[in-house]
């Protein structure tokens, strides 16, 4: 169980990094400016919110795919 939680946390972290880099390309060139803008607007949780939404959508797709595979293997 702990191993599964660690794997899912890694998935979530990688997704967070990928989404942050895709949405804010200036993170690569000047990350301190992006962090300063985030602190000025006080929107610390919006990256976690968007990542959670995408993670849940991907999780739903994974669950459907696993269900279909199990259903196929029973036949």
Protein backbone atom coordinates (compact mmCIF):
# COMPACT_ATOMS: atom_id res chain seq x y z
CA UNK A 1 0.00 0.00 0.00
CA UNK A 2 2.79 2.44 0.90
CA UNK A 3 4.58 1.58 -2.32
CA UNK A 4 1.44 2.38 -4.36
CA UNK A 5 1.06 5.73 -2.57
CA UNK A 6 4.68 6.62 -3.30
CA UNK A 7 4.23 5.77 -6.98
CA UNK A 8 1.09 7.91 -7.20
CA UNK A 9 2.90 10.80 -5.48
CA UNK A 10 5.66 10.52 -8.06
CA UNK A 11 3.04 10.60 -10.84
CA UNK A 12 1.43 13.67 -9.27
CA UNK A 13 4.77 15.45 -8.85
CA UNK A 14 5.85 14.76 -12.42
CA UNK A 15 2.47 15.96 -13.68
CA UNK A 16 2.81 19.12 -11.58
CA UNK A 17 6.24 19.87 -13.04
CA UNK A 18 5.15 19.16 -16.61
CA UNK A 19 2.04 21.33 -16.33
CA UNK A 20 3.99 24.15 -14.70
CA UNK A 21 6.57 24.13 -17.48
CA UNK A 22 3.96 23.94 -20.23
CA UNK A 23 1.79 26.74 -18.82
CA UNK A 24 4.63 28.98 -17.67
CA UNK A 25 7.58 28.68 -19.99
CA UNK A 26 9.34 31.50 -18.12
CA UNK A 27 9.99 29.06 -15.27
CA UNK A 28 12.97 27.78 -17.21
CA UNK A 29 14.50 31.17 -17.95
CA UNK A 30 13.60 33.13 -14.81
CA UNK A 31 11.96 31.12 -12.00
CA UNK A 32 12.45 33.79 -9.34
CA UNK A 33 10.28 36.23 -11.30
CA UNK A 34 7.48 33.64 -11.56
CA UNK A 35 7.66 32.93 -7.83
CA UNK A 36 7.57 36.66 -7.10
CA UNK A 37 4.47 37.06 -9.29
CA UNK A 38 2.84 34.14 -7.52
CA UNK A 39 3.51 35.68 -4.11
CA UNK A 40 2.16 39.07 -5.23
CA UNK A 41 -1.10 37.53 -6.43
CA UNK A 42 -1.20 35.11 -3.45
CA UNK A 43 -2.25 32.21 -5.65
CA UNK A 44 -0.11 29.52 -4.07
CA UNK A 45 -2.63 26.72 -4.51
CA UNK A 46 -3.66 27.16 -8.13
CA UNK A 47 -0.92 24.83 -9.45
CA UNK A 48 -2.11 22.14 -7.06
CA UNK A 49 -5.73 22.70 -8.06
CA UNK A 50 -5.05 22.35 -11.78
CA UNK A 51 -2.76 19.38 -11.25
CA UNK A 52 -5.40 17.68 -9.09
CA UNK A 53 -8.05 18.16 -11.77
CA UNK A 54 -5.82 16.73 -14.52
CA UNK A 55 -4.66 13.92 -12.21
CA UNK A 56 -8.28 12.94 -11.49
CA UNK A 57 -9.13 12.94 -15.20
CA UNK A 58 -6.11 10.76 -15.96
CA UNK A 59 -7.02 8.54 -13.01
CA UNK A 60 -10.54 8.08 -14.36
CA UNK A 61 -9.14 7.10 -17.75
CA UNK A 62 -6.76 4.64 -16.05
CA UNK A 63 -9.64 3.09 -14.08
CA UNK A 64 -11.76 2.65 -17.22
CA UNK A 65 -8.82 1.13 -19.07
CA UNK A 66 -8.10 -1.31 -16.19
CA UNK A 67 -11.79 -2.26 -16.00
CA UNK A 68 -11.87 -3.00 -19.72
CA UNK A 69 -8.70 -5.09 -19.48
CA UNK A 70 -10.12 -7.13 -16.59
CA UNK A 71 -13.40 -7.57 -18.43
CA UNK A 72 -11.53 -8.75 -21.53
CA UNK A 73 -9.36 -11.18 -19.54
CA UNK A 74 -12.41 -12.80 -17.90
CA UNK A 75 -13.79 -13.79 -21.28
